[in-house]
Amino acid sequence: MATERPSEPFLPRQVPIDGYSDAFFHFAGMSHGGSILALPSGIRPWNISRFADVTTSALAEVIAEANAFELLFLGTGRDPAHLPELPKQALRAAGLRFELMPTPAAASTYNVLLAEGRRVAAALIAF
C-alpha cells in the first residue's frame, strides 16, 4: 500500500488566520478556498469538506506533528459536532489535547493563543 505524502504547506511557518468566510481562509496575505491545517510546520490544505469525513487517516498530518504543539483546535464547520471514537483515541494516544468548536470560534481561539506564544495548532473545516 502506498504511503500518502503530506501536503505541501502554503506557508512554511505558523501564522494567525487573518479572516475566514463561508469557503475561504485568509492568512499572511494569501487565501485558500477549502479547509486548512494550521500546524507548527505551516499552513496547508486539508482535504476535508465536512466534519463527518474526519477520520484517523485525515488527522495523520496533525498526529505526525504532535510533539510540536500542546493543544489542537478542531473547527467543525458551521455547527458543533462530536468526534468519533477512533480519531479521538488516535489523538489521545499521540498525547494531544484537543477542543472541538465551530470553525469561527476555533480560528479565533487559535489566534489568541498563538499571539500569547502558546504551542497550538488548528484543523479548520471551511463551510
N, C-alpha and C. Protein backbone atom coordinates (compact mmCIF):
# COMPACT_ATOMS: atom_id res chain seq x y z
N MET A 1 0.84 -1.18 0.00
CA MET A 1 0.00 0.00 0.00
C MET A 1 0.89 1.24 0.00
N ALA A 2 0.59 2.19 -0.85
CA ALA A 2 1.38 3.42 -0.95
C ALA A 2 1.13 4.31 0.25
N THR A 3 2.18 4.97 0.69
CA THR A 3 2.05 5.91 1.79
C THR A 3 1.67 7.27 1.23
N GLU A 4 0.66 7.88 1.82
CA GLU A 4 0.23 9.19 1.37
C GLU A 4 1.24 10.23 1.82
N ARG A 5 1.67 11.07 0.89
CA ARG A 5 2.63 12.12 1.21
C ARG A 5 1.92 13.28 1.87
N PRO A 6 2.58 13.91 2.83
CA PRO A 6 1.98 15.11 3.43
C PRO A 6 1.78 16.19 2.38
N SER A 7 0.76 16.99 2.56
CA SER A 7 0.53 18.08 1.63
C SER A 7 1.60 19.15 1.82
N GLU A 8 1.91 19.86 0.75
CA GLU A 8 2.89 20.93 0.82
C GLU A 8 2.26 22.15 1.46
N PRO A 9 2.97 22.81 2.37
CA PRO A 9 2.39 23.99 3.01
C PRO A 9 2.32 25.17 2.05
N PHE A 10 1.28 25.99 2.22
CA PHE A 10 1.20 27.26 1.50
C PHE A 10 2.28 28.18 2.05
N LEU A 11 2.50 28.04 3.32
CA LEU A 11 3.40 28.92 4.04
C LEU A 11 4.15 28.04 5.05
N PRO A 12 5.48 27.99 4.99
CA PRO A 12 6.21 27.06 5.86
C PRO A 12 6.47 27.60 7.27
N ARG A 13 5.51 28.30 7.81
CA ARG A 13 5.60 28.75 9.21
C ARG A 13 4.18 28.98 9.73
N GLN A 14 4.08 29.07 11.02
CA GLN A 14 2.77 29.24 11.64
C GLN A 14 2.44 30.72 11.74
N VAL A 15 1.26 31.08 11.27
CA VAL A 15 0.79 32.47 11.32
C VAL A 15 -0.67 32.48 11.75
N PRO A 16 -1.16 33.64 12.19
CA PRO A 16 -2.59 33.73 12.54
C PRO A 16 -3.47 33.64 11.29
N ILE A 17 -4.71 33.29 11.53
CA ILE A 17 -5.73 33.31 10.49
C ILE A 17 -6.29 34.73 10.48
N ASP A 18 -6.08 35.45 9.38
CA ASP A 18 -6.49 36.85 9.32
C ASP A 18 -7.99 37.01 9.12
N GLY A 19 -8.62 36.04 8.49
CA GLY A 19 -10.05 36.12 8.26
C GLY A 19 -10.56 34.80 7.71
N TYR A 20 -11.85 34.64 7.77
CA TYR A 20 -12.48 33.44 7.24
C TYR A 20 -13.90 33.78 6.85
N SER A 21 -14.36 33.10 5.83
CA SER A 21 -15.74 33.27 5.37
C SER A 21 -16.28 31.88 5.08
N ASP A 22 -17.42 31.82 4.46
CA ASP A 22 -18.04 30.52 4.23
C ASP A 22 -17.13 29.52 3.53
N ALA A 23 -16.29 29.95 2.65
CA ALA A 23 -15.49 28.99 1.90
C ALA A 23 -14.00 29.29 1.89
N PHE A 24 -13.57 30.41 2.47
CA PHE A 24 -12.17 30.83 2.36
C PHE A 24 -11.55 31.15 3.71
N PHE A 25 -10.25 30.87 3.80
CA PHE A 25 -9.43 31.32 4.93
C PHE A 25 -8.40 32.28 4.37
N HIS A 26 -8.11 33.33 5.12
CA HIS A 26 -7.14 34.35 4.72
C HIS A 26 -6.02 34.36 5.76
N PHE A 27 -4.77 34.35 5.29
CA PHE A 27 -3.62 34.32 6.19
C PHE A 27 -2.40 34.84 5.43
N ALA A 28 -1.61 35.67 6.08
CA ALA A 28 -0.34 36.16 5.53
C ALA A 28 -0.47 36.69 4.11
N GLY A 29 -1.55 37.42 3.83
CA GLY A 29 -1.75 37.99 2.50
C GLY A 29 -2.21 36.99 1.45
N MET A 30 -2.52 35.78 1.86
CA MET A 30 -2.98 34.74 0.93
C MET A 30 -4.40 34.34 1.31
N SER A 31 -5.03 33.58 0.43
CA SER A 31 -6.32 33.00 0.78
C SER A 31 -6.41 31.61 0.17
N HIS A 32 -7.24 30.79 0.79
CA HIS A 32 -7.43 29.42 0.32
C HIS A 32 -8.90 29.07 0.43
N GLY A 33 -9.45 28.57 -0.65
CA GLY A 33 -10.83 28.09 -0.64
C GLY A 33 -10.84 26.63 -0.24
N GLY A 34 -11.32 26.36 0.94
CA GLY A 34 -11.36 24.99 1.45
C GLY A 34 -10.76 24.91 2.84
N SER A 35 -10.80 23.74 3.40
CA SER A 35 -10.33 23.51 4.76
C SER A 35 -8.80 23.59 4.83
N ILE A 36 -8.30 23.92 6.03
CA ILE A 36 -6.85 24.05 6.21
C ILE A 36 -6.40 23.42 7.52
N LEU A 37 -5.11 23.09 7.54
CA LEU A 37 -4.41 22.72 8.76
C LEU A 37 -3.44 23.85 9.07
N ALA A 38 -3.49 24.37 10.27
CA ALA A 38 -2.55 25.40 10.73
C ALA A 38 -1.67 24.72 11.77
N LEU A 39 -0.53 24.22 11.30
CA LEU A 39 0.37 23.43 12.12
C LEU A 39 1.67 24.19 12.35
N PRO A 40 2.47 23.79 13.32
CA PRO A 40 3.75 24.46 13.53
C PRO A 40 4.64 24.47 12.27
N SER A 41 4.50 23.47 11.41
CA SER A 41 5.31 23.41 10.18
C SER A 41 4.76 24.31 9.08
N GLY A 42 3.57 24.85 9.26
CA GLY A 42 3.00 25.74 8.26
C GLY A 42 1.51 25.52 8.06
N ILE A 43 0.95 26.38 7.23
CA ILE A 43 -0.46 26.27 6.88
C ILE A 43 -0.55 25.54 5.56
N ARG A 44 -1.41 24.53 5.53
CA ARG A 44 -1.52 23.68 4.35
C ARG A 44 -2.97 23.32 4.09
N PRO A 45 -3.29 22.91 2.87
CA PRO A 45 -4.66 22.49 2.58
C PRO A 45 -5.00 21.20 3.34
N TRP A 46 -6.27 21.05 3.66
CA TRP A 46 -6.76 19.84 4.32
C TRP A 46 -7.94 19.34 3.49
N ASN A 47 -7.83 18.17 2.95
CA ASN A 47 -8.83 17.65 2.02
C ASN A 47 -10.05 17.09 2.75
N ILE A 48 -10.70 17.95 3.50
CA ILE A 48 -11.91 17.60 4.26
C ILE A 48 -12.96 18.66 3.94
N SER A 49 -14.15 18.21 3.59
CA SER A 49 -15.19 19.19 3.28
C SER A 49 -16.34 19.19 4.29
N ARG A 50 -16.39 18.17 5.14
CA ARG A 50 -17.42 18.14 6.18
C ARG A 50 -16.88 17.35 7.37
N PHE A 51 -17.38 17.65 8.53
CA PHE A 51 -16.84 17.06 9.74
C PHE A 51 -16.98 15.55 9.77
N ALA A 52 -18.01 15.03 9.14
CA ALA A 52 -18.20 13.57 9.10
C ALA A 52 -17.04 12.86 8.41
N ASP A 53 -16.24 13.59 7.63
CA ASP A 53 -15.09 13.00 6.93
C ASP A 53 -13.82 12.95 7.78
N VAL A 54 -13.87 13.46 9.00
CA VAL A 54 -12.68 13.47 9.86
C VAL A 54 -12.49 12.06 10.42
N THR A 55 -11.42 11.43 9.95
CA THR A 55 -11.05 10.09 10.38
C THR A 55 -9.64 10.13 10.95
N THR A 56 -9.20 9.02 11.49
CA THR A 56 -7.83 8.93 11.97
C THR A 56 -6.86 9.22 10.83
N SER A 57 -7.13 8.70 9.66
CA SER A 57 -6.28 8.94 8.49
C SER A 57 -6.25 10.42 8.12
N ALA A 58 -7.40 11.08 8.20
CA ALA A 58 -7.48 12.51 7.86
C ALA A 58 -6.67 13.36 8.84
N LEU A 59 -6.41 12.83 10.03
CA LEU A 59 -5.66 13.55 11.05
C LEU A 59 -4.18 13.15 11.09
N ALA A 60 -3.73 12.37 10.12
CA ALA A 60 -2.35 11.85 10.13
C ALA A 60 -1.30 12.96 10.18
N GLU A 61 -1.49 14.03 9.41
CA GLU A 61 -0.51 15.12 9.43
C GLU A 61 -0.49 15.83 10.78
N VAL A 62 -1.64 15.94 11.40
CA VAL A 62 -1.73 16.55 12.73
C VAL A 62 -0.98 15.68 13.74
N ILE A 63 -1.27 14.39 13.72
CA ILE A 63 -0.65 13.46 14.66
C ILE A 63 0.86 13.39 14.45
N ALA A 64 1.31 13.51 13.20
CA ALA A 64 2.74 13.47 12.91
C ALA A 64 3.50 14.61 13.57
N GLU A 65 2.82 15.71 13.85
CA GLU A 65 3.46 16.87 14.49
C GLU A 65 3.09 17.01 15.96
N ALA A 66 2.57 15.97 16.55
CA ALA A 66 2.06 16.03 17.93
C ALA A 66 3.07 16.56 18.94
N ASN A 67 4.34 16.31 18.73
CA ASN A 67 5.35 16.79 19.68
C ASN A 67 5.62 18.29 19.57
N ALA A 68 5.11 18.93 18.53
CA ALA A 68 5.40 20.34 18.29
C ALA A 68 4.35 21.29 18.87
N PHE A 69 3.25 20.76 19.39
CA PHE A 69 2.22 21.64 19.97
C PHE A 69 1.50 20.92 21.11
N GLU A 70 0.80 21.72 21.90
CA GLU A 70 0.13 21.19 23.10
C GLU A 70 -1.38 21.07 22.97
N LEU A 71 -1.97 21.89 22.10
CA LEU A 71 -3.42 21.95 22.03
C LEU A 71 -3.86 22.13 20.58
N LEU A 72 -4.81 21.30 20.17
CA LEU A 72 -5.36 21.34 18.82
C LEU A 72 -6.79 21.86 18.88
N PHE A 73 -7.10 22.82 18.01
CA PHE A 73 -8.47 23.29 17.86
C PHE A 73 -9.03 22.68 16.58
N LEU A 74 -10.10 21.93 16.73
CA LEU A 74 -10.77 21.32 15.59
C LEU A 74 -12.00 22.16 15.27
N GLY A 75 -11.94 22.86 14.15
CA GLY A 75 -13.08 23.65 13.70
C GLY A 75 -14.04 22.75 12.95
N THR A 76 -15.24 22.60 13.47
CA THR A 76 -16.20 21.62 12.97
C THR A 76 -17.07 22.11 11.82
N GLY A 77 -16.79 23.30 11.31
CA GLY A 77 -17.66 23.88 10.29
C GLY A 77 -18.59 24.88 10.94
N ARG A 78 -19.78 24.98 10.43
CA ARG A 78 -20.75 25.96 10.94
C ARG A 78 -21.31 25.56 12.31
N ASP A 79 -21.49 24.26 12.52
CA ASP A 79 -22.18 23.78 13.72
C ASP A 79 -21.26 22.95 14.61
N PRO A 80 -21.57 22.88 15.90
CA PRO A 80 -20.81 21.99 16.79
C PRO A 80 -20.99 20.53 16.36
N ALA A 81 -20.02 19.70 16.68
CA ALA A 81 -20.10 18.28 16.33
C ALA A 81 -19.28 17.48 17.34
N HIS A 82 -19.49 16.18 17.34
CA HIS A 82 -18.73 15.28 18.20
C HIS A 82 -17.77 14.47 17.34
N LEU A 83 -16.57 14.28 17.85
CA LEU A 83 -15.57 13.50 17.14
C LEU A 83 -15.82 12.01 17.39
N PRO A 84 -15.82 11.20 16.33
CA PRO A 84 -15.99 9.75 16.52
C PRO A 84 -14.88 9.18 17.41
N GLU A 85 -15.14 8.05 17.99
CA GLU A 85 -14.24 7.46 18.98
C GLU A 85 -12.85 7.12 18.43
N LEU A 86 -12.74 6.56 17.24
CA LEU A 86 -11.41 6.17 16.72
C LEU A 86 -10.48 7.36 16.52
N PRO A 87 -10.90 8.44 15.86
CA PRO A 87 -10.00 9.60 15.77
C PRO A 87 -9.68 10.19 17.15
N LYS A 88 -10.66 10.19 18.02
CA LYS A 88 -10.45 10.70 19.38
C LYS A 88 -9.36 9.89 20.08
N GLN A 89 -9.43 8.57 19.97
CA GLN A 89 -8.42 7.71 20.59
C GLN A 89 -7.05 7.94 19.98
N ALA A 90 -6.98 8.14 18.66
CA ALA A 90 -5.70 8.37 17.99
C ALA A 90 -5.06 9.67 18.47
N LEU A 91 -5.85 10.72 18.62
CA LEU A 91 -5.31 11.99 19.12
C LEU A 91 -4.81 11.84 20.55
N ARG A 92 -5.58 11.16 21.36
CA ARG A 92 -5.17 10.95 22.76
C ARG A 92 -3.92 10.09 22.85
N ALA A 93 -3.83 9.05 22.02
CA ALA A 93 -2.65 8.18 22.01
C ALA A 93 -1.40 8.95 21.61
N ALA A 94 -1.57 10.00 20.81
CA ALA A 94 -0.44 10.84 20.40
C ALA A 94 -0.11 11.87 21.48
N GLY A 95 -0.87 11.87 22.57
CA GLY A 95 -0.62 12.80 23.66
C GLY A 95 -1.21 14.18 23.44
N LEU A 96 -2.15 14.30 22.51
CA LEU A 96 -2.72 15.61 22.18
C LEU A 96 -3.97 15.92 22.99
N ARG A 97 -4.03 17.16 23.43
CA ARG A 97 -5.28 17.71 23.97
C ARG A 97 -5.95 18.41 22.80
N PHE A 98 -7.28 18.37 22.76
CA PHE A 98 -7.99 18.99 21.65
C PHE A 98 -9.33 19.53 22.10
N GLU A 99 -9.77 20.54 21.39
CA GLU A 99 -11.06 21.18 21.63
C GLU A 99 -11.81 21.22 20.31
N LEU A 100 -13.08 20.86 20.33
CA LEU A 100 -13.94 20.94 19.16
C LEU A 100 -14.88 22.11 19.33
N MET A 101 -15.02 22.90 18.26
CA MET A 101 -15.94 24.03 18.28
C MET A 101 -16.19 24.46 16.84
N PRO A 102 -17.26 25.21 16.59
CA PRO A 102 -17.47 25.71 15.24
C PRO A 102 -16.23 26.44 14.73
N THR A 103 -16.01 26.37 13.44
CA THR A 103 -14.79 26.91 12.84
C THR A 103 -14.49 28.36 13.20
N PRO A 104 -15.45 29.29 13.16
CA PRO A 104 -15.10 30.67 13.51
C PRO A 104 -14.53 30.78 14.93
N ALA A 105 -15.11 30.08 15.88
CA ALA A 105 -14.62 30.11 17.26
C ALA A 105 -13.25 29.44 17.35
N ALA A 106 -13.06 28.34 16.63
CA ALA A 106 -11.77 27.64 16.66
C ALA A 106 -10.66 28.52 16.09
N ALA A 107 -10.93 29.20 14.98
CA ALA A 107 -9.91 30.08 14.38
C ALA A 107 -9.59 31.24 15.30
N SER A 108 -10.60 31.83 15.91
CA SER A 108 -10.38 32.95 16.83
C SER A 108 -9.57 32.53 18.05
N THR A 109 -9.92 31.41 18.63
CA THR A 109 -9.22 30.93 19.82
C THR A 109 -7.78 30.55 19.49
N TYR A 110 -7.58 29.91 18.35
CA TYR A 110 -6.23 29.60 17.86
C TYR A 110 -5.41 30.89 17.77
N ASN A 111 -5.99 31.93 17.17
CA ASN A 111 -5.27 33.20 17.02
C ASN A 111 -4.87 33.80 18.37
N VAL A 112 -5.78 33.80 19.32
CA VAL A 112 -5.49 34.39 20.63
C VAL A 112 -4.34 33.64 21.31
N LEU A 113 -4.42 32.32 21.32
CA LEU A 113 -3.38 31.54 22.00
C LEU A 113 -2.05 31.60 21.24
N LEU A 114 -2.10 31.64 19.92
CA LEU A 114 -0.88 31.79 19.13
C LEU A 114 -0.21 33.12 19.46
N ALA A 115 -1.00 34.19 19.57
CA ALA A 115 -0.46 35.51 19.90
C ALA A 115 0.15 35.53 21.30
N GLU A 116 -0.34 34.69 22.18
CA GLU A 116 0.22 34.58 23.54
C GLU A 116 1.49 33.73 23.57
N GLY A 117 1.87 33.18 22.42
CA GLY A 117 3.06 32.34 22.36
C GLY A 117 2.83 30.90 22.75
N ARG A 118 1.59 30.49 22.82
CA ARG A 118 1.27 29.11 23.18
C ARG A 118 1.54 28.19 22.00
N ARG A 119 1.80 26.94 22.29
CA ARG A 119 2.06 25.91 21.26
C ARG A 119 0.73 25.29 20.85
N VAL A 120 0.13 25.84 19.79
CA VAL A 120 -1.19 25.42 19.35
C VAL A 120 -1.17 25.04 17.87
N ALA A 121 -2.23 24.36 17.46
CA ALA A 121 -2.46 24.02 16.06
C ALA A 121 -3.97 24.04 15.84
N ALA A 122 -4.36 24.08 14.57
CA ALA A 122 -5.78 24.07 14.25
C ALA A 122 -6.03 23.26 12.98
N ALA A 123 -7.13 22.56 12.99
CA ALA A 123 -7.65 21.86 11.81
C ALA A 123 -9.03 22.47 11.58
N LEU A 124 -9.15 23.25 10.51
CA LEU A 124 -10.33 24.09 10.32
C LEU A 124 -11.09 23.70 9.06
N ILE A 125 -12.35 23.36 9.24
CA ILE A 125 -13.19 22.97 8.12
C ILE A 125 -13.93 24.19 7.60
N ALA A 126 -13.76 24.44 6.30
CA ALA A 126 -14.49 25.52 5.64
C ALA A 126 -15.95 25.10 5.50
N PHE A 127 -16.82 26.09 5.50
CA PHE A 127 -18.25 25.76 5.33
C PHE A 127 -18.92 26.78 4.45
